Amino acid sequence: MNIPILLFQGEGGSGLFTMVPLIVIIFGIFYFLVIRPQQKQQQKLQQMITTLKINDEVVTNGGIIGKIKEVKETSFIIQSAEKSFLEIGKQAVIGKKAEESK
């Protein structure tokens, strides 16, 4: 016998009425375990990007580490080496460089 099918079959065509609450419960679990934490993480990243200023060291999603030299409306000018300046989009920043403890 196929037990999962028997559990969802219900009496006299009430299968739809038992599936709807189950789908709502699954969506609720999915929302609180996946969607909401991702939204909080995205908001935290956006807040960090808006507070960046000149001389902050950042890491890009491409792995480039550099120091911000100029802040523009939608991008940053960073210095990644002594004479190497790059313009990166603000969305490319994934975080600040961690402070090295001595």
PDB file of N, CA and C in Angstrom:
ATOM      1  N   MET A   1       0.825  -1.185   0.000  1.00  0.00           N
ATOM      2  CA  MET A   1       0.000   0.000   0.000  1.00  0.00           C
ATOM      3  C   MET A   1       0.870   1.249   0.000  1.00  0.00           C
ATOM      4  N   ASN A   2       0.341   2.287  -0.571  1.00  0.00           N
ATOM      5  CA  ASN A   2       1.040   3.554  -0.617  1.00  0.00           C
ATOM      6  C   ASN A   2       0.469   4.443   0.488  1.00  0.00           C
ATOM      7  N   ILE A   3       1.162   4.483   1.613  1.00  0.00           N
ATOM      8  CA  ILE A   3       0.652   5.161   2.809  1.00  0.00           C
ATOM      9  C   ILE A   3       0.511   6.673   2.622  1.00  0.00           C
ATOM     10  N   PRO A   4       1.475   7.390   2.000  1.00  0.00           N
ATOM     11  CA  PRO A   4       1.275   8.841   1.840  1.00  0.00           C
ATOM     12  C   PRO A   4       0.019   9.181   1.048  1.00  0.00           C
ATOM     13  N   ILE A   5      -0.314   8.387   0.060  1.00  0.00           N
ATOM     14  CA  ILE A   5      -1.534   8.651  -0.711  1.00  0.00           C
ATOM     15  C   ILE A   5      -2.761   8.428   0.165  1.00  0.00           C
ATOM     16  N   LEU A   6      -2.731   7.418   0.991  1.00  0.00           N
ATOM     17  CA  LEU A   6      -3.860   7.158   1.878  1.00  0.00           C
ATOM     18  C   LEU A   6      -4.035   8.278   2.906  1.00  0.00           C
ATOM     19  N   LEU A   7      -2.936   8.873   3.357  1.00  0.00           N
ATOM     20  CA  LEU A   7      -3.041   9.948   4.338  1.00  0.00           C
ATOM     21  C   LEU A   7      -3.691  11.189   3.755  1.00  0.00           C
ATOM     22  N   PHE A   8      -3.417  11.480   2.472  1.00  0.00           N
ATOM     23  CA  PHE A   8      -3.957  12.689   1.853  1.00  0.00           C
ATOM     24  C   PHE A   8      -5.304  12.460   1.192  1.00  0.00           C
ATOM     25  N   GLN A   9      -5.778  11.226   1.185  1.00  0.00           N
ATOM     26  CA  GLN A   9      -7.036  10.967   0.503  1.00  0.00           C
ATOM     27  C   GLN A   9      -8.215  11.453   1.310  1.00  0.00           C
ATOM     28  N   GLY A  10      -8.403  11.392   2.423  1.00  0.00           N
ATOM     29  CA  GLY A  10      -9.569  11.931   3.117  1.00  0.00           C
ATOM     30  C   GLY A  10     -10.856  11.225   2.717  1.00  0.00           C
ATOM     31  N   GLU A  11     -11.920  11.578   3.385  1.00  0.00           N
ATOM     32  CA  GLU A  11     -13.196  10.910   3.156  1.00  0.00           C
ATOM     33  C   GLU A  11     -14.058  11.706   2.192  1.00  0.00           C
ATOM     34  N   GLY A  12     -14.463  11.107   1.161  1.00  0.00           N
ATOM     35  CA  GLY A  12     -15.442  11.690   0.260  1.00  0.00           C
ATOM     36  C   GLY A  12     -15.003  12.967  -0.425  1.00  0.00           C
ATOM     37  N   GLY A  13     -13.822  13.043  -0.921  1.00  0.00           N
ATOM     38  CA  GLY A  13     -13.398  14.193  -1.705  1.00  0.00           C
ATOM     39  C   GLY A  13     -12.899  15.371  -0.889  1.00  0.00           C
ATOM     40  N   SER A  14     -12.517  15.156   0.342  1.00  0.00           N
ATOM     41  CA  SER A  14     -12.004  16.269   1.151  1.00  0.00           C
ATOM     42  C   SER A  14     -10.485  16.397   1.021  1.00  0.00           C
ATOM     43  N   GLY A  15      -9.896  15.797   0.007  1.00  0.00           N
ATOM     44  CA  GLY A  15      -8.453  15.853  -0.202  1.00  0.00           C
ATOM     45  C   GLY A  15      -7.946  17.262  -0.419  1.00  0.00           C
ATOM     46  N   LEU A  16      -8.699  18.081  -1.135  1.00  0.00           N
ATOM     47  CA  LEU A  16      -8.300  19.456  -1.384  1.00  0.00           C
ATOM     48  C   LEU A  16      -8.259  20.257  -0.087  1.00  0.00           C
ATOM     49  N   PHE A  17      -9.205  20.022   0.800  1.00  0.00           N
ATOM     50  CA  PHE A  17      -9.268  20.763   2.049  1.00  0.00           C
ATOM     51  C   PHE A  17      -8.153  20.374   3.011  1.00  0.00           C
ATOM     52  N   THR A  18      -7.572  19.206   2.843  1.00  0.00           N
ATOM     53  CA  THR A  18      -6.440  18.831   3.686  1.00  0.00           C
ATOM     54  C   THR A  18      -5.120  19.270   3.062  1.00  0.00           C
ATOM     55  N   MET A  19      -5.093  19.471   1.764  1.00  0.00           N
ATOM     56  CA  MET A  19      -3.861  19.888   1.083  1.00  0.00           C
ATOM     57  C   MET A  19      -3.584  21.382   1.259  1.00  0.00           C
ATOM     58  N   VAL A  20      -4.606  22.209   1.263  1.00  0.00           N
ATOM     59  CA  VAL A  20      -4.414  23.654   1.358  1.00  0.00           C
ATOM     60  C   VAL A  20      -3.707  24.034   2.660  1.00  0.00           C
ATOM     61  N   PRO A  21      -4.144  23.584   3.827  1.00  0.00           N
ATOM     62  CA  PRO A  21      -3.409  23.933   5.055  1.00  0.00           C
ATOM     63  C   PRO A  21      -1.976  23.390   5.047  1.00  0.00           C
ATOM     64  N   LEU A  22      -1.787  22.225   4.458  1.00  0.00           N
ATOM     65  CA  LEU A  22      -0.453  21.642   4.384  1.00  0.00           C
ATOM     66  C   LEU A  22       0.464  22.524   3.528  1.00  0.00           C
ATOM     67  N   ILE A  23      -0.027  23.017   2.419  1.00  0.00           N
ATOM     68  CA  ILE A  23       0.757  23.894   1.551  1.00  0.00           C
ATOM     69  C   ILE A  23       1.068  25.209   2.275  1.00  0.00           C
ATOM     70  N   VAL A  24       0.096  25.740   2.999  1.00  0.00           N
ATOM     71  CA  VAL A  24       0.312  26.984   3.755  1.00  0.00           C
ATOM     72  C   VAL A  24       1.376  26.767   4.829  1.00  0.00           C
ATOM     73  N   ILE A  25       1.333  25.653   5.512  1.00  0.00           N
ATOM     74  CA  ILE A  25       2.328  25.350   6.548  1.00  0.00           C
ATOM     75  C   ILE A  25       3.719  25.212   5.930  1.00  0.00           C
ATOM     76  N   ILE A  26       3.822  24.527   4.804  1.00  0.00           N
ATOM     77  CA  ILE A  26       5.120  24.363   4.134  1.00  0.00           C
ATOM     78  C   ILE A  26       5.657  25.712   3.677  1.00  0.00           C
ATOM     79  N   PHE A  27       4.809  26.568   3.120  1.00  0.00           N
ATOM     80  CA  PHE A  27       5.245  27.890   2.698  1.00  0.00           C
ATOM     81  C   PHE A  27       5.698  28.721   3.896  1.00  0.00           C
ATOM     82  N   GLY A  28       4.978  28.634   5.019  1.00  0.00           N
ATOM     83  CA  GLY A  28       5.366  29.367   6.224  1.00  0.00           C
ATOM     84  C   GLY A  28       6.732  28.940   6.735  1.00  0.00           C
ATOM     85  N   ILE A  29       6.973  27.645   6.764  1.00  0.00           N
ATOM     86  CA  ILE A  29       8.278  27.131   7.189  1.00  0.00           C
ATOM     87  C   ILE A  29       9.364  27.610   6.233  1.00  0.00           C
ATOM     88  N   PHE A  30       9.100  27.531   4.936  1.00  0.00           N
ATOM     89  CA  PHE A  30      10.056  27.973   3.926  1.00  0.00           C
ATOM     90  C   PHE A  30      10.357  29.454   4.091  1.00  0.00           C
ATOM     91  N   TYR A  31       9.334  30.259   4.364  1.00  0.00           N
ATOM     92  CA  TYR A  31       9.510  31.703   4.532  1.00  0.00           C
ATOM     93  C   TYR A  31      10.415  32.007   5.718  1.00  0.00           C
ATOM     94  N   PHE A  32      10.151  31.379   6.863  1.00  0.00           N
ATOM     95  CA  PHE A  32      10.913  31.698   8.066  1.00  0.00           C
ATOM     96  C   PHE A  32      12.303  31.072   8.078  1.00  0.00           C
ATOM     97  N   LEU A  33      12.537  30.019   7.317  1.00  0.00           N
ATOM     98  CA  LEU A  33      13.856  29.403   7.294  1.00  0.00           C
ATOM     99  C   LEU A  33      14.743  29.879   6.150  1.00  0.00           C
ATOM    100  N   VAL A  34      14.161  30.380   5.054  1.00  0.00           N
ATOM    101  CA  VAL A  34      14.954  30.745   3.888  1.00  0.00           C
ATOM    102  C   VAL A  34      14.792  32.216   3.510  1.00  0.00           C
ATOM    103  N   ILE A  35      13.582  32.654   3.261  1.00  0.00           N
ATOM    104  CA  ILE A  35      13.353  33.990   2.699  1.00  0.00           C
ATOM    105  C   ILE A  35      13.679  35.091   3.697  1.00  0.00           C
ATOM    106  N   ARG A  36      13.160  35.005   4.892  1.00  0.00           N
ATOM    107  CA  ARG A  36      13.349  36.072   5.874  1.00  0.00           C
ATOM    108  C   ARG A  36      14.814  36.264   6.276  1.00  0.00           C
ATOM    109  N   PRO A  37      15.575  35.206   6.570  1.00  0.00           N
ATOM    110  CA  PRO A  37      16.998  35.424   6.881  1.00  0.00           C
ATOM    111  C   PRO A  37      17.767  36.049   5.716  1.00  0.00           C
ATOM    112  N   GLN A  38      17.426  35.681   4.495  1.00  0.00           N
ATOM    113  CA  GLN A  38      18.087  36.267   3.330  1.00  0.00           C
ATOM    114  C   GLN A  38      17.768  37.754   3.225  1.00  0.00           C
ATOM    115  N   GLN A  39      16.533  38.149   3.497  1.00  0.00           N
ATOM    116  CA  GLN A  39      16.157  39.559   3.455  1.00  0.00           C
ATOM    117  C   GLN A  39      16.909  40.357   4.523  1.00  0.00           C
ATOM    118  N   LYS A  40      17.038  39.790   5.720  1.00  0.00           N
ATOM    119  CA  LYS A  40      17.760  40.471   6.791  1.00  0.00           C
ATOM    120  C   LYS A  40      19.231  40.644   6.430  1.00  0.00           C
ATOM    121  N   GLN A  41      19.830  39.614   5.836  1.00  0.00           N
ATOM    122  CA  GLN A  41      21.226  39.691   5.431  1.00  0.00           C
ATOM    123  C   GLN A  41      21.407  40.749   4.346  1.00  0.00           C
ATOM    124  N   GLN A  42      20.490  40.831   3.400  1.00  0.00           N
ATOM    125  CA  GLN A  42      20.564  41.822   2.330  1.00  0.00           C
ATOM    126  C   GLN A  42      20.417  43.238   2.886  1.00  0.00           C
ATOM    127  N   GLN A  43      19.516  43.437   3.834  1.00  0.00           N
ATOM    128  CA  GLN A  43      19.347  44.752   4.446  1.00  0.00           C
ATOM    129  C   GLN A  43      20.597  45.173   5.211  1.00  0.00           C
ATOM    130  N   LYS A  44      21.221  44.230   5.919  1.00  0.00           N
ATOM    131  CA  LYS A  44      22.444  44.515   6.660  1.00  0.00           C
ATOM    132  C   LYS A  44      23.568  44.913   5.705  1.00  0.00           C
ATOM    133  N   LEU A  45      23.689  44.219   4.565  1.00  0.00           N
ATOM    134  CA  LEU A  45      24.706  44.545   3.565  1.00  0.00           C
ATOM    135  C   LEU A  45      24.452  45.922   2.967  1.00  0.00           C
ATOM    136  N   GLN A  46      23.202  46.236   2.640  1.00  0.00           N
ATOM    137  CA  GLN A  46      22.866  47.545   2.086  1.00  0.00           C
ATOM    138  C   GLN A  46      23.194  48.663   3.068  1.00  0.00           C
ATOM    139  N   GLN A  47      22.904  48.439   4.336  1.00  0.00           N
ATOM    140  CA  GLN A  47      23.206  49.434   5.357  1.00  0.00           C
ATOM    141  C   GLN A  47      24.714  49.635   5.472  1.00  0.00           C
ATOM    142  N   MET A  48      25.491  48.553   5.416  1.00  0.00           N
ATOM    143  CA  MET A  48      26.941  48.646   5.490  1.00  0.00           C
ATOM    144  C   MET A  48      27.489  49.408   4.287  1.00  0.00           C
ATOM    145  N   ILE A  49      26.943  49.172   3.094  1.00  0.00           N
ATOM    146  CA  ILE A  49      27.412  49.852   1.885  1.00  0.00           C
ATOM    147  C   ILE A  49      27.132  51.352   1.970  1.00  0.00           C
ATOM    148  N   THR A  50      25.997  51.734   2.515  1.00  0.00           N
ATOM    149  CA  THR A  50      25.683  53.163   2.608  1.00  0.00           C
ATOM    150  C   THR A  50      26.559  53.888   3.627  1.00  0.00           C
ATOM    151  N   THR A  51      27.131  53.163   4.576  1.00  0.00           N
ATOM    152  CA  THR A  51      27.981  53.799   5.584  1.00  0.00           C
ATOM    153  C   THR A  51      29.458  53.789   5.211  1.00  0.00           C
ATOM    154  N   LEU A  52      29.831  53.206   4.078  1.00  0.00           N
ATOM    155  CA  LEU A  52      31.232  53.184   3.665  1.00  0.00           C
ATOM    156  C   LEU A  52      31.706  54.592   3.339  1.00  0.00           C
ATOM    157  N   LYS A  53      32.952  54.856   3.682  1.00  0.00           N
ATOM    158  CA  LYS A  53      33.523  56.172   3.428  1.00  0.00           C
ATOM    159  C   LYS A  53      34.950  56.017   2.910  1.00  0.00           C
ATOM    160  N   ILE A  54      35.580  57.126   2.587  1.00  0.00           N
ATOM    161  CA  ILE A  54      36.938  57.111   2.064  1.00  0.00           C
ATOM    162  C   ILE A  54      37.885  56.485   3.096  1.00  0.00           C
ATOM    163  N   ASN A  55      38.843  55.704   2.596  1.00  0.00           N
ATOM    164  CA  ASN A  55      39.870  54.978   3.363  1.00  0.00           C
ATOM    165  C   ASN A  55      39.355  53.711   4.046  1.00  0.00           C
ATOM    166  N   ASP A  56      38.106  53.323   3.838  1.00  0.00           N
ATOM    167  CA  ASP A  56      37.636  52.016   4.300  1.00  0.00           C
ATOM    168  C   ASP A  56      38.153  50.955   3.339  1.00  0.00           C
ATOM    169  N   GLU A  57      38.592  49.822   3.874  1.00  0.00           N
ATOM    170  CA  GLU A  57      39.048  48.731   3.033  1.00  0.00           C
ATOM    171  C   GLU A  57      37.879  47.774   2.811  1.00  0.00           C
ATOM    172  N   VAL A  58      37.646  47.436   1.544  1.00  0.00           N
ATOM    173  CA  VAL A  58      36.506  46.602   1.180  1.00  0.00           C
ATOM    174  C   VAL A  58      36.964  45.394   0.382  1.00  0.00           C
ATOM    175  N   VAL A  59      36.073  44.401   0.331  1.00  0.00           N
ATOM    176  CA  VAL A  59      36.278  43.203  -0.472  1.00  0.00           C
ATOM    177  C   VAL A  59      35.133  43.146  -1.475  1.00  0.00           C
ATOM    178  N   THR A  60      35.459  42.876  -2.746  1.00  0.00           N
ATOM    179  CA  THR A  60      34.430  42.775  -3.775  1.00  0.00           C
ATOM    180  C   THR A  60      34.039  41.320  -3.976  1.00  0.00           C
ATOM    181  N   ASN A  61      32.953  41.103  -4.702  1.00  0.00           N
ATOM    182  CA  ASN A  61      32.520  39.730  -4.967  1.00  0.00           C
ATOM    183  C   ASN A  61      33.476  39.006  -5.908  1.00  0.00           C
ATOM    184  N   GLY A  62      34.386  39.714  -6.548  1.00  0.00           N
ATOM    185  CA  GLY A  62      35.425  39.092  -7.373  1.00  0.00           C
ATOM    186  C   GLY A  62      36.682  38.780  -6.590  1.00  0.00           C
ATOM    187  N   GLY A  63      36.718  39.140  -5.311  1.00  0.00           N
ATOM    188  CA  GLY A  63      37.858  38.847  -4.467  1.00  0.00           C
ATOM    189  C   GLY A  63      38.888  39.958  -4.415  1.00  0.00           C
ATOM    190  N   ILE A  64      38.598  41.099  -4.995  1.00  0.00           N
ATOM    191  CA  ILE A  64      39.533  42.220  -4.986  1.00  0.00           C
ATOM    192  C   ILE A  64      39.422  42.949  -3.653  1.00  0.00           C
ATOM    193  N   ILE A  65      40.569  43.206  -3.047  1.00  0.00           N
ATOM    194  CA  ILE A  65      40.619  43.951  -1.795  1.00  0.00           C
ATOM    195  C   ILE A  65      41.230  45.305  -2.107  1.00  0.00           C
ATOM    196  N   GLY A  66      40.566  46.356  -1.670  1.00  0.00           N
ATOM    197  CA  GLY A  66      41.084  47.685  -1.950  1.00  0.00           C
ATOM    198  C   GLY A  66      40.595  48.704  -0.954  1.00  0.00           C
ATOM    199  N   LYS A  67      41.206  49.865  -1.034  1.00  0.00           N
ATOM    200  CA  LYS A  67      40.863  50.977  -0.147  1.00  0.00           C
ATOM    201  C   LYS A  67      40.064  51.996  -0.957  1.00  0.00           C
ATOM    202  N   ILE A  68      38.946  52.436  -0.415  1.00  0.00           N
ATOM    203  CA  ILE A  68      38.095  53.401  -1.116  1.00  0.00           C
ATOM    204  C   ILE A  68      38.807  54.752  -1.168  1.00  0.00           C
ATOM    205  N   LYS A  69      38.900  55.293  -2.381  1.00  0.00           N
ATOM    206  CA  LYS A  69      39.518  56.596  -2.582  1.00  0.00           C
ATOM    207  C   LYS A  69      38.500  57.666  -2.960  1.00  0.00           C
ATOM    208  N   GLU A  70      37.368  57.252  -3.534  1.00  0.00           N
ATOM    209  CA  GLU A  70      36.326  58.210  -3.914  1.00  0.00           C
ATOM    210  C   GLU A  70      34.980  57.496  -3.878  1.00  0.00           C
ATOM    211  N   VAL A  71      33.970  58.185  -3.386  1.00  0.00           N
ATOM    212  CA  VAL A  71      32.615  57.643  -3.328  1.00  0.00           C
ATOM    213  C   VAL A  71      31.767  58.395  -4.343  1.00  0.00           C
ATOM    214  N   LYS A  72      31.177  57.652  -5.268  1.00  0.00           N
ATOM    215  CA  LYS A  72      30.267  58.238  -6.248  1.00  0.00           C
ATOM    216  C   LYS A  72      28.849  57.782  -5.931  1.00  0.00           C
ATOM    217  N   GLU A  73      27.898  58.213  -6.742  1.00  0.00           N
ATOM    218  CA  GLU A  73      26.497  57.882  -6.476  1.00  0.00           C
ATOM    219  C   GLU A  73      26.228  56.376  -6.580  1.00  0.00           C
ATOM    220  N   THR A  74      26.758  55.731  -7.624  1.00  0.00           N
ATOM    221  CA  THR A  74      26.493  54.299  -7.815  1.00  0.00           C
ATOM    222  C   THR A  74      27.747  53.460  -7.831  1.00  0.00           C
ATOM    223  N   SER A  75      28.907  54.066  -7.547  1.00  0.00           N
ATOM    224  CA  SER A  75      30.147  53.301  -7.600  1.00  0.00           C
ATOM    225  C   SER A  75      31.182  53.851  -6.635  1.00  0.00           C
ATOM    226  N   PHE A  76      32.259  53.097  -6.486  1.00  0.00           N
ATOM    227  CA  PHE A  76      33.403  53.497  -5.686  1.00  0.00           C
ATOM    228  C   PHE A  76      34.643  53.470  -6.574  1.00  0.00           C
ATOM    229  N   ILE A  77      35.579  54.341  -6.305  1.00  0.00           N
ATOM    230  CA  ILE A  77      36.920  54.243  -6.879  1.00  0.00           C
ATOM    231  C   ILE A  77      37.779  53.656  -5.767  1.00  0.00           C
ATOM    232  N   ILE A  78      38.368  52.490  -6.027  1.00  0.00           N
ATOM    233  CA  ILE A  78      39.203  51.859  -5.011  1.00  0.00           C
ATOM    234  C   ILE A  78      40.628  51.745  -5.520  1.00  0.00           C
ATOM    235  N   GLN A  79      41.555  51.728  -4.579  1.00  0.00           N
ATOM    236  CA  GLN A  79      42.962  51.525  -4.901  1.00  0.00           C
ATOM    237  C   GLN A  79      43.310  50.132  -4.421  1.00  0.00           C
ATOM    238  N   SER A  80      43.656  49.250  -5.378  1.00  0.00           N
ATOM    239  CA  SER A  80      43.939  47.873  -5.013  1.00  0.00           C
ATOM    240  C   SER A  80      45.429  47.596  -4.900  1.00  0.00           C
ATOM    241  N   ALA A  81      46.248  48.431  -5.505  1.00  0.00           N
ATOM    242  CA  ALA A  81      47.702  48.341  -5.385  1.00  0.00           C
ATOM    243  C   ALA A  81      48.224  49.769  -5.353  1.00  0.00           C
ATOM    244  N   GLU A  82      49.547  49.911  -5.378  1.00  0.00           N
ATOM    245  CA  GLU A  82      50.117  51.242  -5.218  1.00  0.00           C
ATOM    246  C   GLU A  82      49.631  52.224  -6.277  1.00  0.00           C
ATOM    247  N   LYS A  83      49.577  51.795  -7.543  1.00  0.00           N
ATOM    248  CA  LYS A  83      49.151  52.698  -8.619  1.00  0.00           C
ATOM    249  C   LYS A  83      47.947  52.157  -9.382  1.00  0.00           C
ATOM    250  N   SER A  84      47.231  51.238  -8.791  1.00  0.00           N
ATOM    251  CA  SER A  84      46.101  50.600  -9.469  1.00  0.00           C
ATOM    252  C   SER A  84      44.782  51.099  -8.886  1.00  0.00           C
ATOM    253  N   PHE A  85      44.038  51.842  -9.701  1.00  0.00           N
ATOM    254  CA  PHE A  85      42.735  52.350  -9.289  1.00  0.00           C
ATOM    255  C   PHE A  85      41.653  51.664 -10.106  1.00  0.00           C
ATOM    256  N   LEU A  86      40.599  51.234  -9.455  1.00  0.00           N
ATOM    257  CA  LEU A  86      39.485  50.552 -10.115  1.00  0.00           C
ATOM    258  C   LEU A  86      38.184  51.248  -9.742  1.00  0.00           C
ATOM    259  N   GLU A  87      37.278  51.300 -10.702  1.00  0.00           N
ATOM    260  CA  GLU A  87      35.929  51.779 -10.397  1.00  0.00           C
ATOM    261  C   GLU A  87      35.030  50.551 -10.330  1.00  0.00           C
ATOM    262  N   ILE A  88      34.406  50.368  -9.194  1.00  0.00           N
ATOM    263  CA  ILE A  88      33.526  49.214  -9.002  1.00  0.00           C
ATOM    264  C   ILE A  88      32.133  49.707  -8.639  1.00  0.00           C
ATOM    265  N   GLY A  89      31.121  48.949  -9.031  1.00  0.00           N
ATOM    266  CA  GLY A  89      29.755  49.261  -8.639  1.00  0.00           C
ATOM    267  C   GLY A  89      29.555  48.977  -7.163  1.00  0.00           C
ATOM    268  N   LYS A  90      28.675  49.724  -6.546  1.00  0.00           N
ATOM    269  CA  LYS A  90      28.416  49.524  -5.118  1.00  0.00           C
ATOM    270  C   LYS A  90      27.885  48.119  -4.836  1.00  0.00           C
ATOM    271  N   GLN A  91      27.159  47.554  -5.804  1.00  0.00           N
ATOM    272  CA  GLN A  91      26.609  46.210  -5.607  1.00  0.00           C
ATOM    273  C   GLN A  91      27.683  45.132  -5.616  1.00  0.00           C
ATOM    274  N   ALA A  92      28.916  45.469  -6.056  1.00  0.00           N
ATOM    275  CA  ALA A  92      30.007  44.493  -6.093  1.00  0.00           C
ATOM    276  C   ALA A  92      30.666  44.316  -4.727  1.00  0.00           C
ATOM    277  N   VAL A  93      30.420  45.224  -3.800  1.00  0.00           N
ATOM    278  CA  VAL A  93      31.027  45.129  -2.472  1.00  0.00           C
ATOM    279  C   VAL A  93      30.272  44.090  -1.654  1.00  0.00           C
ATOM    280  N   ILE A  94      31.038  43.152  -1.060  1.00  0.00           N
ATOM    281  CA  ILE A  94      30.388  42.143  -0.224  1.00  0.00           C
ATOM    282  C   ILE A  94      30.732  42.299   1.250  1.00  0.00           C
ATOM    283  N   GLY A  95      31.671  43.201   1.551  1.00  0.00           N
ATOM    284  CA  GLY A  95      31.978  43.421   2.955  1.00  0.00           C
ATOM    285  C   GLY A  95      33.228  44.247   3.154  1.00  0.00           C
ATOM    286  N   LYS A  96      33.456  44.591   4.398  1.00  0.00           N
ATOM    287  CA  LYS A  96      34.678  45.301   4.767  1.00  0.00           C
ATOM    288  C   LYS A  96      35.764  44.266   5.013  1.00  0.00           C
ATOM    289  N   LYS A  97      37.003  44.676   4.781  1.00  0.00           N
ATOM    290  CA  LYS A  97      38.123  43.793   5.078  1.00  0.00           C
ATOM    291  C   LYS A  97      38.228  43.660   6.581  1.00  0.00           C
ATOM    292  N   ALA A  98      38.428  42.442   7.043  1.00  0.00           N
ATOM    293  CA  ALA A  98      38.514  42.185   8.481  1.00  0.00           C
ATOM    294  C   ALA A  98      39.768  42.818   9.043  1.00  0.00           C
ATOM    295  N   GLU A  99      39.649  43.386  10.225  1.00  0.00           N
ATOM    296  CA  GLU A  99      40.788  43.978  10.899  1.00  0.00           C
ATOM    297  C   GLU A  99      41.744  42.870  11.333  1.00  0.00           C
ATOM    298  N   GLU A 100      43.017  43.070  11.070  1.00  0.00           N
ATOM    299  CA  GLU A 100      44.008  42.073  11.456  1.00  0.00           C
ATOM    300  C   GLU A 100      44.450  42.346  12.875  1.00  0.00           C
ATOM    301  N   SER A 101      44.328  41.342  13.747  1.00  0.00           N
ATOM    302  CA  SER A 101      44.753  41.505  15.138  1.00  0.00           C
ATOM    303  C   SER A 101      46.217  41.120  15.261  1.00  0.00           C
ATOM    304  N   LYS A 102      46.945  41.857  16.058  1.00  0.00           N
ATOM    305  CA  LYS A 102      48.385  41.602  16.221  1.00  0.00           C
ATOM    306  C   LYS A 102      48.656  40.909  17.527  1.00  0.00           C
TER     307      LYS A 102
END
